Amino acid sequence: MLLFKKKFMDAIRSGEKTQTIRLWKVCRMKTGQRSYIPGAGYIRVLSVQPVQLAELTDDDARPDGFASADALRQELASLYRDQMAEGHQAYRIRFELFGPAEQAATRAERQAAKAARQTR
């Protein structure tokens, strides 16, 4: 599951925001993985790459919903101050939101799996 601030939800749902930068001690996502964003739905992780925050460009920032790399770095500093101080690695996660049919099929699959676990 990936959590986002409410201010990013419209951009995620519209397909405008297609990546996120996360600071982790250990990478928690992998390419091809299916994940869930509460308020938006299921996503497919297209790629996961370690990045250096100082090397991000404005072109890197736009798919994340920011006009500039400086604005992205400021947001990351406000969200991850402790992790930055502890030297955690930054990862760029590119994703695509499932379409309506794939959302419905994934929900049905998850509900069936949950029901099967409960009957064991």
Protein backbone atom coordinates (compact mmCIF):
# COMPACT_ATOMS: atom_id res chain seq x y z
CA MET A 1 0.00 0.00 0.00
CA LEU A 2 1.20 3.50 -0.82
CA LEU A 3 -0.17 6.40 1.18
CA PHE A 4 -0.42 9.93 -0.21
CA LYS A 5 -1.56 13.27 1.11
CA LYS A 6 -5.06 14.27 -0.01
CA LYS A 7 -3.66 17.13 -2.10
CA PHE A 8 -2.24 14.54 -4.55
CA MET A 9 -5.38 12.40 -5.01
CA ASP A 10 -6.93 14.29 -7.94
CA ALA A 11 -3.62 14.19 -9.84
CA ILE A 12 -3.26 10.45 -9.19
CA ARG A 13 -6.84 9.68 -10.25
CA SER A 14 -6.47 11.78 -13.43
CA GLY A 15 -3.19 10.08 -14.36
CA GLU A 16 -1.26 13.34 -14.03
CA LYS A 17 0.85 12.05 -11.10
CA THR A 18 2.57 8.85 -12.16
CA GLN A 19 5.49 8.62 -9.77
CA THR A 20 6.49 9.14 -6.19
CA ILE A 21 9.83 9.50 -4.45
CA ARG A 22 10.12 7.60 -1.16
CA LEU A 23 12.94 7.45 1.35
CA TRP A 24 13.38 4.00 2.83
CA LYS A 25 16.05 2.04 4.66
CA VAL A 26 15.13 -0.96 2.49
CA CYS A 27 13.18 -0.76 -0.78
CA ARG A 28 9.55 -1.80 -0.18
CA MET A 29 8.36 -2.03 -3.79
CA LYS A 30 9.38 -3.96 -6.88
CA THR A 31 8.73 -3.58 -10.58
CA GLY A 32 5.56 -5.35 -11.70
CA GLN A 33 4.05 -5.35 -8.22
CA ARG A 34 0.40 -4.53 -7.70
CA SER A 35 -0.31 -2.11 -4.89
CA TYR A 36 -3.16 -0.02 -3.54
CA ILE A 37 -3.55 3.72 -2.96
CA PRO A 38 -6.47 4.48 -0.59
CA GLY A 39 -8.70 7.04 -2.27
CA ALA A 40 -7.41 6.24 -5.76
CA GLY A 41 -7.39 2.47 -6.25
CA TYR A 42 -5.06 -0.25 -7.45
CA ILE A 43 -1.83 0.53 -9.27
CA ARG A 44 0.84 -1.37 -11.15
CA VAL A 45 4.42 -0.49 -10.26
CA LEU A 46 6.20 0.14 -13.56
CA SER A 47 9.69 0.72 -12.18
CA VAL A 48 11.63 1.26 -8.98
CA GLN A 49 14.98 3.04 -9.14
CA PRO A 50 17.33 4.39 -6.49
CA VAL A 51 17.89 8.12 -7.06
CA GLN A 52 20.02 10.89 -5.60
CA LEU A 53 17.83 13.81 -4.52
CA ALA A 54 20.49 16.37 -5.43
CA GLU A 55 20.56 15.06 -9.01
CA LEU A 56 16.79 15.31 -9.67
CA THR A 57 15.85 17.67 -12.51
CA ASP A 58 12.68 19.61 -13.27
CA ASP A 59 11.82 16.87 -15.81
CA ASP A 60 12.09 14.33 -12.97
CA ALA A 61 9.76 16.42 -10.78
CA ARG A 62 6.84 16.84 -13.23
CA PRO A 63 5.52 13.23 -13.17
CA ASP A 64 5.55 13.59 -9.38
CA GLY A 65 3.22 16.59 -9.60
CA PHE A 66 5.79 19.33 -9.04
CA ALA A 67 6.83 22.18 -11.33
CA SER A 68 10.47 22.01 -10.31
CA ALA A 69 13.02 19.75 -8.68
CA ASP A 70 13.47 22.35 -5.93
CA ALA A 71 9.74 22.20 -5.09
CA LEU A 72 9.91 18.39 -5.00
CA ARG A 73 12.97 18.45 -2.73
CA GLN A 74 11.24 20.94 -0.38
CA GLU A 75 8.21 18.65 -0.10
CA LEU A 76 10.43 15.62 0.51
CA ALA A 77 12.34 17.51 3.21
CA SER A 78 9.08 18.32 5.00
CA LEU A 79 7.87 14.70 4.78
CA TYR A 80 11.13 12.84 5.38
CA ARG A 81 13.27 15.09 7.59
CA ASP A 82 14.20 12.23 9.96
CA GLN A 83 14.87 9.73 7.17
CA MET A 84 17.08 12.27 5.36
CA ALA A 85 19.08 12.83 8.54
CA GLU A 86 19.48 9.06 8.95
CA GLY A 87 20.75 8.65 5.38
CA HIS A 88 17.89 6.57 3.98
CA GLN A 89 17.96 5.83 0.24
CA ALA A 90 15.57 7.70 -2.08
CA TYR A 91 13.62 5.56 -4.56
CA ARG A 92 11.64 6.71 -7.59
CA ILE A 93 8.51 4.58 -7.98
CA ARG A 94 6.75 4.95 -11.34
CA PHE A 95 3.22 3.61 -11.45
CA GLU A 96 0.02 3.48 -13.45
CA LEU A 97 -3.49 3.44 -12.05
CA PHE A 98 -5.58 0.47 -13.14
CA GLY A 99 -8.52 1.28 -15.42
CA PRO A 100 -12.12 0.76 -14.21
CA ALA A 101 -12.42 -2.86 -15.45
CA GLU A 102 -9.08 -3.86 -13.94
CA GLN A 103 -9.98 -2.07 -10.67
CA ALA A 104 -13.23 -4.09 -10.45
CA ALA A 105 -11.52 -7.39 -11.32
CA THR A 106 -8.78 -6.79 -8.74
CA ARG A 107 -11.31 -5.90 -6.03
CA ALA A 108 -13.29 -9.08 -6.80
CA GLU A 109 -10.10 -11.17 -6.72
CA ARG A 110 -9.05 -9.68 -3.36
CA GLN A 111 -12.52 -10.24 -1.87
CA ALA A 112 -12.57 -13.87 -3.05
CA ALA A 113 -9.12 -14.47 -1.55
CA LYS A 114 -10.22 -12.92 1.74
CA ALA A 115 -13.36 -15.08 1.83
CA ALA A 116 -11.30 -18.21 1.11
CA ARG A 117 -8.93 -17.41 3.99
CA GLN A 118 -11.87 -16.96 6.37
CA THR A 119 -13.36 -20.38 5.54
CA ARG A 120 -10.14 -22.28 6.33
